[in-house]
N, C-alpha and C. Protein backbone atom coordinates (compact mmCIF):
# COMPACT_ATOMS: atom_id res chain seq x y z
N MET A 1 12.92 21.04 14.91
CA MET A 1 14.56 19.85 14.95
C MET A 1 14.36 19.80 13.27
N ALA A 2 15.04 19.98 12.19
CA ALA A 2 15.59 19.97 11.25
C ALA A 2 15.69 18.94 10.84
N PHE A 3 15.39 18.20 10.06
CA PHE A 3 15.51 16.61 9.57
C PHE A 3 16.71 16.96 8.21
N GLU A 4 17.39 16.07 7.46
CA GLU A 4 18.36 15.68 6.58
C GLU A 4 17.08 15.06 5.68
N TYR A 5 16.92 15.12 4.44
CA TYR A 5 16.13 14.19 3.86
C TYR A 5 16.69 13.40 2.63
N THR A 6 15.64 12.30 2.56
CA THR A 6 15.98 11.32 1.81
C THR A 6 14.63 11.06 1.00
N THR A 7 14.62 9.35 0.43
CA THR A 7 13.79 8.98 0.25
C THR A 7 12.95 8.09 0.95
N LEU A 8 11.58 7.60 0.52
CA LEU A 8 10.83 6.00 1.02
C LEU A 8 11.72 5.25 0.82
N GLY A 9 12.45 5.30 -0.56
CA GLY A 9 13.22 3.55 -1.10
C GLY A 9 14.60 3.48 -0.42
N GLU A 10 15.18 4.59 0.45
CA GLU A 10 15.68 4.36 1.13
C GLU A 10 15.49 3.31 2.22
N TYR A 11 14.22 3.02 2.97
CA TYR A 11 14.04 2.11 4.21
C TYR A 11 12.84 1.17 3.35
N ALA A 12 12.38 1.46 2.02
CA ALA A 12 11.47 0.09 1.50
C ALA A 12 11.06 -0.03 0.62
N LYS A 13 10.69 -1.07 0.07
CA LYS A 13 10.60 -1.34 -1.79
C LYS A 13 8.79 -1.33 -1.54
N VAL A 14 8.46 -1.16 -2.90
CA VAL A 14 7.20 -1.49 -3.03
C VAL A 14 7.12 -2.89 -3.92
N GLN A 15 6.27 -3.52 -3.42
CA GLN A 15 5.62 -5.25 -4.10
C GLN A 15 4.55 -4.83 -4.66
N GLY A 16 4.58 -5.04 -5.82
CA GLY A 16 3.54 -4.92 -6.68
C GLY A 16 2.62 -6.47 -6.46
N GLY A 17 1.38 -5.54 -6.92
CA GLY A 17 0.65 -7.18 -6.33
C GLY A 17 0.51 -8.23 -7.72
N PHE A 18 0.03 -9.54 -7.80
CA PHE A 18 -0.29 -10.30 -8.27
C PHE A 18 -1.25 -10.37 -9.43
N ALA A 19 -1.19 -10.49 -10.62
CA ALA A 19 -1.78 -9.70 -11.98
C ALA A 19 -2.93 -11.73 -11.94
N TYR A 20 -3.66 -11.45 -11.41
CA TYR A 20 -4.31 -12.70 -11.05
C TYR A 20 -5.53 -11.85 -12.56
N LYS A 21 -5.95 -13.11 -13.11
CA LYS A 21 -6.72 -13.20 -14.37
C LYS A 21 -8.24 -13.08 -14.27
N SER A 22 -9.44 -12.59 -14.79
CA SER A 22 -10.34 -12.72 -14.27
C SER A 22 -10.96 -14.41 -14.34
N LYS A 23 -10.38 -15.36 -15.30
CA LYS A 23 -10.79 -16.46 -14.95
C LYS A 23 -10.33 -16.95 -13.46
N ASP A 24 -9.72 -16.94 -12.94
CA ASP A 24 -9.37 -16.54 -11.43
C ASP A 24 -10.16 -16.75 -10.52
N PHE A 25 -10.82 -15.80 -10.54
CA PHE A 25 -11.90 -15.26 -9.64
C PHE A 25 -13.07 -16.44 -9.72
N GLU A 26 -13.48 -16.23 -8.39
CA GLU A 26 -14.71 -16.52 -8.32
C GLU A 26 -15.70 -15.61 -7.41
N LYS A 27 -17.14 -16.60 -6.97
CA LYS A 27 -17.68 -15.37 -6.78
C LYS A 27 -17.85 -15.74 -5.25
N SER A 28 -17.65 -16.52 -4.54
CA SER A 28 -17.38 -16.97 -3.13
C SER A 28 -15.94 -18.25 -3.13
N GLY A 29 -15.76 -17.90 -1.55
CA GLY A 29 -14.64 -19.00 -1.33
C GLY A 29 -13.94 -18.80 -0.10
N HIS A 30 -12.81 -19.44 -0.09
CA HIS A 30 -11.92 -18.77 1.54
C HIS A 30 -10.65 -17.56 1.30
N HIS A 31 -10.62 -17.49 0.18
CA HIS A 31 -9.62 -16.80 -0.36
C HIS A 31 -9.76 -15.32 -1.21
N ARG A 32 -9.47 -14.92 -0.07
CA ARG A 32 -10.25 -13.41 -0.86
C ARG A 32 -8.98 -12.53 -1.46
N VAL A 33 -9.66 -11.99 -2.53
CA VAL A 33 -8.43 -11.10 -3.61
C VAL A 33 -8.94 -9.58 -3.17
N LEU A 34 -7.82 -9.02 -2.99
CA LEU A 34 -8.41 -7.20 -2.70
C LEU A 34 -7.79 -6.82 -3.69
N LYS A 35 -8.72 -5.70 -4.40
CA LYS A 35 -8.84 -4.85 -5.19
C LYS A 35 -8.32 -3.48 -4.95
N ILE A 36 -7.97 -3.12 -6.06
CA ILE A 36 -7.79 -1.42 -5.47
C ILE A 36 -9.01 -1.17 -5.03
N LYS A 37 -10.20 -1.22 -5.15
CA LYS A 37 -11.33 -0.81 -4.21
C LYS A 37 -11.80 -0.85 -3.14
N ASN A 38 -10.85 -2.12 -2.45
CA ASN A 38 -10.72 -2.17 -1.19
C ASN A 38 -9.94 -1.70 -0.28
N VAL A 39 -8.95 -1.03 -0.88
CA VAL A 39 -7.76 -0.07 0.17
C VAL A 39 -8.04 1.31 0.13
N ARG A 40 -8.14 1.63 1.86
CA ARG A 40 -9.57 2.54 1.70
C ARG A 40 -8.47 3.49 2.62
N PHE A 41 -8.56 4.36 3.03
CA PHE A 41 -7.62 5.55 3.83
C PHE A 41 -7.87 4.67 4.88
N GLY A 42 -6.45 4.29 5.49
CA GLY A 42 -6.14 3.70 6.84
C GLY A 42 -6.60 2.39 6.69
N GLY A 43 -7.66 1.99 6.16
CA GLY A 43 -7.69 0.57 6.34
C GLY A 43 -8.49 0.09 5.12
N VAL A 44 -8.58 -1.40 4.94
CA VAL A 44 -8.60 -2.52 4.23
C VAL A 44 -10.60 -2.98 4.38
N SER A 45 -11.20 -2.53 3.08
CA SER A 45 -12.30 -3.28 2.96
C SER A 45 -12.43 -4.44 2.98
N TYR A 46 -13.23 -5.41 3.22
CA TYR A 46 -13.72 -6.92 2.70
C TYR A 46 -14.58 -6.68 2.17
N GLU A 47 -15.28 -6.09 1.83
CA GLU A 47 -16.50 -6.14 1.11
C GLU A 47 -16.23 -6.03 -0.31
N GLU A 48 -16.88 -6.71 -1.40
CA GLU A 48 -17.21 -7.12 -2.61
C GLU A 48 -15.40 -7.37 -3.21
N CYS A 49 -14.73 -8.70 -2.39
CA CYS A 49 -13.88 -8.83 -2.86
C CYS A 49 -13.80 -9.95 -4.00
N ALA A 50 -12.96 -10.80 -4.36
CA ALA A 50 -12.91 -11.71 -5.32
C ALA A 50 -12.48 -12.95 -4.67
N PHE A 51 -12.44 -13.96 -5.08
CA PHE A 51 -12.06 -14.93 -4.71
C PHE A 51 -11.38 -15.57 -5.74
N ILE A 52 -10.49 -16.92 -5.03
CA ILE A 52 -9.65 -17.35 -5.64
C ILE A 52 -9.68 -19.01 -5.13
N ASP A 53 -9.46 -19.83 -5.62
CA ASP A 53 -9.49 -21.26 -5.46
C ASP A 53 -8.09 -21.86 -4.55
N ASP A 54 -7.80 -22.90 -4.01
CA ASP A 54 -7.08 -22.99 -3.18
C ASP A 54 -5.69 -23.53 -3.59
N GLU A 55 -6.09 -23.69 -4.84
CA GLU A 55 -4.67 -23.95 -6.16
C GLU A 55 -4.27 -22.77 -5.97
N MET A 56 -4.58 -21.74 -6.61
CA MET A 56 -4.14 -20.42 -7.06
C MET A 56 -3.47 -19.62 -5.91
N ALA A 57 -4.53 -20.00 -4.64
CA ALA A 57 -3.77 -19.53 -3.23
C ALA A 57 -2.54 -20.22 -2.72
N HIS A 58 -2.66 -21.23 -3.16
CA HIS A 58 -1.07 -21.98 -2.61
C HIS A 58 0.15 -21.34 -4.01
N SER A 59 -0.36 -21.18 -4.94
CA SER A 59 0.43 -20.80 -5.94
C SER A 59 0.89 -19.14 -6.12
N THR A 60 0.09 -18.64 -5.23
CA THR A 60 0.33 -17.18 -5.09
C THR A 60 0.44 -16.83 -3.69
N ASN A 61 0.97 -17.80 -2.39
CA ASN A 61 1.05 -17.19 -1.37
C ASN A 61 1.66 -15.74 -1.18
N ALA A 62 3.12 -15.75 -2.19
CA ALA A 62 3.57 -14.42 -2.02
C ALA A 62 3.26 -13.35 -1.74
N TRP A 63 2.16 -13.66 -2.29
CA TRP A 63 1.15 -12.07 -2.59
C TRP A 63 0.08 -12.36 -1.41
N LYS A 64 -0.06 -12.80 -0.20
CA LYS A 64 -1.41 -13.18 0.81
C LYS A 64 -0.92 -11.97 1.87
N THR A 65 -1.45 -11.35 2.37
CA THR A 65 -1.28 -10.44 3.28
C THR A 65 -1.21 -10.64 4.77
N LYS A 66 -0.39 -9.89 5.70
CA LYS A 66 -0.24 -10.61 6.84
C LYS A 66 -0.53 -9.13 7.92
N GLU A 67 -0.69 -9.69 9.31
CA GLU A 67 -0.56 -8.29 9.35
C GLU A 67 0.16 -7.24 9.77
N GLY A 68 -0.24 -6.14 9.88
CA GLY A 68 0.82 -4.75 10.27
C GLY A 68 1.20 -4.50 8.00
N ASP A 69 0.54 -5.15 7.27
CA ASP A 69 0.81 -4.37 6.29
C ASP A 69 0.79 -3.72 5.38
N ILE A 70 1.91 -2.69 4.69
CA ILE A 70 1.31 -1.33 4.66
C ILE A 70 0.87 -1.35 2.98
N LEU A 71 -0.19 -1.07 2.75
CA LEU A 71 -1.09 -1.33 0.97
C LEU A 71 -1.45 -0.20 0.52
N ILE A 72 -0.88 0.33 -0.82
CA ILE A 72 -1.08 1.64 -1.41
C ILE A 72 -2.04 1.31 -2.87
N SER A 73 -3.10 2.02 -2.74
CA SER A 73 -3.28 2.14 -4.38
C SER A 73 -2.26 2.68 -5.09
N MET A 74 -2.48 1.69 -6.20
CA MET A 74 -1.65 2.80 -7.69
C MET A 74 -2.33 3.32 -8.79
N THR A 75 -3.40 3.14 -8.87
CA THR A 75 -4.00 3.52 -9.80
C THR A 75 -5.27 3.77 -9.22
N GLY A 76 -5.57 4.74 -9.39
CA GLY A 76 -7.32 6.02 -8.95
C GLY A 76 -7.42 6.94 -9.50
N SER A 77 -8.34 8.19 -9.07
CA SER A 77 -8.38 10.00 -9.59
C SER A 77 -7.80 10.17 -9.01
N GLY A 78 -7.23 11.59 -9.45
CA GLY A 78 -6.91 12.74 -9.79
C GLY A 78 -7.53 13.09 -8.23
N PRO A 79 -7.12 14.93 -7.47
CA PRO A 79 -7.55 15.01 -6.79
C PRO A 79 -9.43 15.78 -6.62
N ASN A 80 -9.81 15.50 -7.58
CA ASN A 80 -10.83 15.77 -7.99
C ASN A 80 -12.27 14.33 -7.73
N ALA A 81 -11.88 13.42 -7.22
CA ALA A 81 -12.11 11.94 -6.81
C ALA A 81 -12.09 11.96 -5.44
N PRO A 82 -11.91 12.35 -4.34
CA PRO A 82 -10.51 11.99 -3.50
C PRO A 82 -11.29 10.59 -2.79
N GLN A 83 -12.15 9.91 -2.82
CA GLN A 83 -12.41 8.27 -1.94
C GLN A 83 -11.81 7.83 -3.11
N SER A 84 -11.57 7.98 -4.46
CA SER A 84 -10.77 6.73 -4.89
C SER A 84 -9.61 7.30 -5.53
N LEU A 85 -8.72 8.45 -4.59
CA LEU A 85 -7.78 9.13 -5.08
C LEU A 85 -6.72 7.91 -5.02
N VAL A 86 -5.39 8.40 -6.39
CA VAL A 86 -4.32 7.08 -6.50
C VAL A 86 -3.33 7.95 -5.46
N GLY A 87 -2.57 6.36 -4.64
CA GLY A 87 -2.05 6.41 -3.46
C GLY A 87 -2.98 6.59 -1.68
N ARG A 88 -3.99 6.00 -2.13
CA ARG A 88 -4.43 5.51 -1.21
C ARG A 88 -3.84 5.07 -0.29
N VAL A 89 -3.54 5.33 1.17
CA VAL A 89 -2.55 4.27 1.79
C VAL A 89 -3.64 3.39 3.23
N ALA A 90 -3.02 2.27 3.33
CA ALA A 90 -4.17 1.24 4.13
C ALA A 90 -3.21 0.40 4.97
N ARG A 91 -4.07 -0.20 6.45
CA ARG A 91 -2.59 -0.96 7.13
C ARG A 91 -3.77 -2.19 6.83
N VAL A 92 -3.01 -3.32 7.57
CA VAL A 92 -3.71 -4.51 7.57
C VAL A 92 -3.78 -4.61 9.16
N TRP A 93 -4.39 -4.74 9.87
CA TRP A 93 -4.64 -4.81 11.56
C TRP A 93 -4.85 -6.20 11.81
N LYS A 94 -4.88 -6.19 12.87
CA LYS A 94 -4.93 -7.47 13.67
C LYS A 94 -6.60 -8.12 13.78
N ASN A 95 -5.96 -9.26 13.22
CA ASN A 95 -7.13 -10.44 13.08
C ASN A 95 -8.30 -9.77 11.74
N GLU A 96 -7.64 -9.75 10.70
CA GLU A 96 -8.34 -9.50 9.69
C GLU A 96 -8.36 -10.48 8.61
N PRO A 97 -9.02 -10.59 7.97
CA PRO A 97 -9.08 -12.34 7.34
C PRO A 97 -7.88 -12.07 6.34
N GLU A 98 -7.44 -13.45 6.17
CA GLU A 98 -6.28 -13.54 4.87
C GLU A 98 -7.26 -13.20 3.51
N ALA A 99 -5.80 -12.31 3.14
CA ALA A 99 -6.62 -12.05 1.66
C ALA A 99 -5.13 -12.10 1.03
N PHE A 100 -5.47 -11.58 -0.66
CA PHE A 100 -4.48 -11.37 -1.14
C PHE A 100 -4.34 -10.30 -2.08
N ILE A 101 -3.52 -9.78 -2.72
CA ILE A 101 -2.78 -8.27 -3.10
C ILE A 101 -3.12 -8.72 -4.77
N ASN A 102 -4.09 -7.79 -5.55
CA ASN A 102 -4.02 -8.03 -6.85
C ASN A 102 -3.12 -7.16 -7.53
N GLN A 103 -2.79 -6.71 -8.87
CA GLN A 103 -2.11 -5.95 -9.70
C GLN A 103 -2.65 -4.68 -9.46
N ARG A 104 -2.14 -3.91 -9.36
CA ARG A 104 -2.09 -2.22 -8.93
C ARG A 104 -2.31 -1.76 -7.45
N ILE A 105 -2.00 -3.11 -6.67
CA ILE A 105 -1.78 -2.53 -5.11
C ILE A 105 -0.43 -3.01 -4.46
N GLY A 106 0.19 -2.30 -4.41
CA GLY A 106 1.28 -2.10 -3.71
C GLY A 106 1.40 -2.55 -1.76
N ARG A 107 2.59 -3.23 -2.06
CA ARG A 107 2.81 -3.35 -0.43
C ARG A 107 3.90 -3.00 -0.09
N LEU A 108 4.17 -1.86 0.95
CA LEU A 108 5.81 -1.96 1.70
C LEU A 108 6.55 -3.24 2.01
N GLU A 109 7.34 -2.95 1.98
CA GLU A 109 8.62 -4.13 2.47
C GLU A 109 9.88 -3.24 2.86
N LEU A 110 10.13 -3.58 3.92
CA LEU A 110 11.31 -3.04 4.95
C LEU A 110 12.54 -3.65 4.02
N LYS A 111 13.45 -2.42 3.35
CA LYS A 111 14.15 -3.28 3.08
C LYS A 111 15.57 -3.91 4.06
N GLN A 112 15.08 -3.48 5.20
CA GLN A 112 16.34 -4.08 6.45
C GLN A 112 15.24 -3.97 7.55
N GLU A 113 15.00 -4.82 8.10
CA GLU A 113 14.42 -4.68 9.93
C GLU A 113 15.31 -4.18 10.35
N GLY A 114 14.40 -3.34 11.38
CA GLY A 114 15.28 -2.26 12.32
C GLY A 114 15.82 -1.25 11.78
N SER A 115 15.82 -0.91 10.28
CA SER A 115 16.23 0.51 9.91
C SER A 115 14.99 1.47 10.17
N VAL A 116 13.46 1.19 9.99
CA VAL A 116 12.51 2.53 10.53
C VAL A 116 11.92 1.41 11.03
N HIS A 117 10.86 2.09 11.51
CA HIS A 117 9.74 1.87 12.09
C HIS A 117 8.17 1.65 11.32
N ALA A 118 7.74 0.59 10.99
CA ALA A 118 6.29 0.60 9.64
C ALA A 118 5.65 1.52 10.13
N ASP A 119 5.35 1.60 11.20
CA ASP A 119 4.42 2.62 11.74
C ASP A 119 4.41 3.99 11.32
N TYR A 120 5.71 4.22 11.23
CA TYR A 120 6.15 5.40 11.17
C TYR A 120 6.05 5.84 9.21
N LEU A 121 6.40 4.66 8.33
CA LEU A 121 6.36 5.00 7.11
C LEU A 121 4.67 5.06 6.49
N PHE A 122 3.76 4.13 7.29
CA PHE A 122 2.01 4.15 7.40
C PHE A 122 1.69 6.09 7.44
N TYR A 123 2.00 6.10 8.59
CA TYR A 123 1.99 7.47 8.60
C TYR A 123 2.45 8.88 8.02
N LEU A 124 4.07 8.56 7.64
CA LEU A 124 4.50 9.38 6.42
C LEU A 124 3.51 9.31 4.95
N LEU A 125 2.99 8.08 4.46
CA LEU A 125 2.40 7.73 3.37
C LEU A 125 0.92 8.75 3.43
N SER A 126 0.57 8.69 4.40
CA SER A 126 -0.81 9.12 5.11
C SER A 126 -0.98 10.62 4.95
N LEU A 127 -0.09 10.75 5.06
CA LEU A 127 0.33 12.81 5.40
C LEU A 127 -0.75 13.37 3.94
N PRO A 128 -0.86 14.59 4.20
CA PRO A 128 -1.37 14.99 2.77
C PRO A 128 -0.41 15.34 1.96
N SER A 129 0.78 15.87 2.74
CA SER A 129 1.85 16.41 1.54
C SER A 129 2.21 15.28 0.91
N SER A 130 2.53 14.15 1.05
CA SER A 130 3.00 12.48 0.75
C SER A 130 1.77 12.45 -0.39
N GLN A 131 0.40 12.31 0.42
CA GLN A 131 -0.52 12.04 -0.89
C GLN A 131 -0.38 13.04 -2.31
N ASN A 132 -0.11 13.96 -1.64
CA ASN A 132 -0.04 15.57 -2.70
C ASN A 132 0.83 14.93 -3.72
N PHE A 133 2.10 14.37 -3.27
CA PHE A 133 3.50 14.45 -4.00
C PHE A 133 2.89 12.74 -5.11
N LEU A 134 2.43 12.03 -4.65
CA LEU A 134 1.74 10.77 -5.05
C LEU A 134 1.24 11.41 -6.62
N VAL A 135 -0.08 11.98 -6.12
CA VAL A 135 -1.12 13.03 -7.23
C VAL A 135 -0.74 13.29 -8.36
N ALA A 136 0.50 14.36 -7.20
CA ALA A 136 0.96 15.27 -8.90
C ALA A 136 2.05 14.33 -9.55
N ASN A 137 2.56 13.29 -9.02
CA ASN A 137 3.42 12.50 -10.09
C ASN A 137 2.96 11.42 -10.50
N SER A 138 1.48 11.41 -10.53
CA SER A 138 0.82 10.29 -11.24
C SER A 138 0.71 10.18 -12.62
N SER A 139 0.81 9.54 -13.41
CA SER A 139 0.57 9.63 -14.99
C SER A 139 -0.94 8.71 -15.24
N GLY A 140 -1.17 9.81 -16.19
CA GLY A 140 -2.82 9.38 -16.77
C GLY A 140 -3.27 10.48 -17.05
N SER A 141 -5.11 9.94 -16.82
CA SER A 141 -5.76 11.58 -17.10
C SER A 141 -6.37 11.48 -15.29
N ALA A 142 -7.16 12.31 -15.62
CA ALA A 142 -7.34 12.52 -13.85
C ALA A 142 -9.05 11.78 -13.22
N ASN A 143 -9.12 10.91 -14.55
CA ASN A 143 -10.19 9.43 -14.01
C ASN A 143 -9.35 8.60 -14.00
N GLN A 144 -7.91 7.94 -14.48
CA GLN A 144 -7.37 6.91 -13.87
C GLN A 144 -5.66 7.67 -14.07
N ALA A 145 -5.66 7.79 -12.80
CA ALA A 145 -4.01 8.15 -12.63
C ALA A 145 -3.59 7.03 -12.09
N ASN A 146 -2.33 7.02 -12.80
CA ASN A 146 -1.69 5.63 -11.98
C ASN A 146 -0.12 5.98 -11.72
N ILE A 147 0.79 5.53 -10.74
CA ILE A 147 1.92 6.03 -10.15
C ILE A 147 2.42 4.19 -10.27
N SER A 148 4.07 4.39 -10.35
CA SER A 148 4.96 3.03 -10.00
C SER A 148 5.14 2.95 -8.98
N GLY A 149 5.81 1.72 -8.49
CA GLY A 149 6.38 1.70 -7.29
C GLY A 149 7.71 2.61 -7.52
N LYS A 150 8.41 2.37 -8.39
CA LYS A 150 9.39 3.15 -8.67
C LYS A 150 9.28 5.10 -8.14
N THR A 151 7.70 5.77 -8.18
CA THR A 151 7.82 6.51 -8.28
C THR A 151 7.04 7.30 -6.37
N ILE A 152 6.32 5.77 -5.89
CA ILE A 152 6.66 5.68 -4.37
C ILE A 152 7.72 6.05 -3.53
N GLU A 153 8.76 5.06 -4.24
CA GLU A 153 9.82 5.18 -3.42
C GLU A 153 10.37 6.25 -3.89
N LEU A 154 10.50 7.16 -4.69
CA LEU A 154 11.04 8.39 -4.44
C LEU A 154 10.17 9.40 -3.54
N LEU A 155 9.36 9.23 -2.51
CA LEU A 155 8.80 10.15 -2.32
C LEU A 155 9.35 10.81 -0.88
N PRO A 156 9.91 11.95 -0.92
CA PRO A 156 10.87 12.51 0.25
C PRO A 156 10.41 12.03 1.71
N CYS A 157 11.53 11.88 2.24
CA CYS A 157 11.06 11.62 3.56
C CYS A 157 12.39 11.58 4.49
N PRO A 158 12.01 12.10 5.77
CA PRO A 158 12.89 12.74 6.90
C PRO A 158 14.19 11.52 7.04
N LYS A 159 15.19 11.61 7.07
CA LYS A 159 16.19 10.62 7.42
C LYS A 159 16.09 10.39 8.93
N VAL A 160 16.19 9.54 9.37
CA VAL A 160 15.86 9.32 10.76
C VAL A 160 15.96 7.85 11.15
N SER A 161 16.39 7.46 12.51
CA SER A 161 17.03 6.61 13.14
C SER A 161 16.12 5.60 13.60
N TYR A 162 16.07 4.33 13.65
CA TYR A 162 14.84 3.39 13.98
C TYR A 162 14.65 4.28 14.89
N GLU A 163 15.06 4.53 16.52
CA GLU A 163 14.22 5.24 17.65
C GLU A 163 13.44 6.25 17.48
N GLU A 164 14.03 7.09 16.70
CA GLU A 164 13.44 8.82 16.55
C GLU A 164 11.81 8.05 15.58
N SER A 165 12.08 7.15 14.24
CA SER A 165 10.76 6.83 13.83
C SER A 165 9.55 6.01 14.68
N LYS A 166 10.33 5.62 15.55
CA LYS A 166 9.40 4.45 16.97
C LYS A 166 8.35 5.94 17.16
N ARG A 167 9.39 6.73 17.98
CA ARG A 167 8.76 7.67 18.69
C ARG A 167 7.85 8.76 17.86
N ILE A 168 8.08 8.99 16.70
CA ILE A 168 7.69 9.77 16.39
C ILE A 168 6.07 9.13 15.01
N ALA A 169 6.19 7.58 15.60
CA ALA A 169 5.35 6.61 15.23
C ALA A 169 4.20 6.71 16.86
N GLU A 170 4.71 6.34 17.64
CA GLU A 170 4.25 6.57 18.73
C GLU A 170 3.30 7.70 19.14
N ILE A 171 3.48 8.95 18.70
CA ILE A 171 2.54 10.04 18.55
C ILE A 171 1.66 9.61 17.67
N GLY A 172 1.06 9.09 16.45
CA GLY A 172 0.41 9.14 15.41
C GLY A 172 -0.95 8.35 15.87
């Protein structure tokens, strides 16, 4: 089957995390803040999170994660250190703790519900070819590579209908 190609940006935009300041962080609490190191391949690690107080959580509610969120690390290493690779993609799964996304973590937001299945985008971003695209299009050094939301949105993506994307996602 041959696909016509578009970009990820046709289906979704990347929302960057909130730029919390170090003074905002507490050692413990109820409101976790995810940092880049918490975004792992496939899922989120809730170990070594920072915390914010109730007031900060309320004022930054737009950056709170929800089930199904697709998160991506926007800073990391190049291919020489694969565990901290820029462009790692994680999913917030069912019954995970509430958390807030810090700067340099992106969250995919569908531009239009029903245009594409979110699982399809998650699997697309997880492909080695997508990871290679993100690393190749990052800037900075091999020790600290950065990608922008706009670069992520330029990722080549097969143009599919919602039904096709759902069928493909069910295989993954």
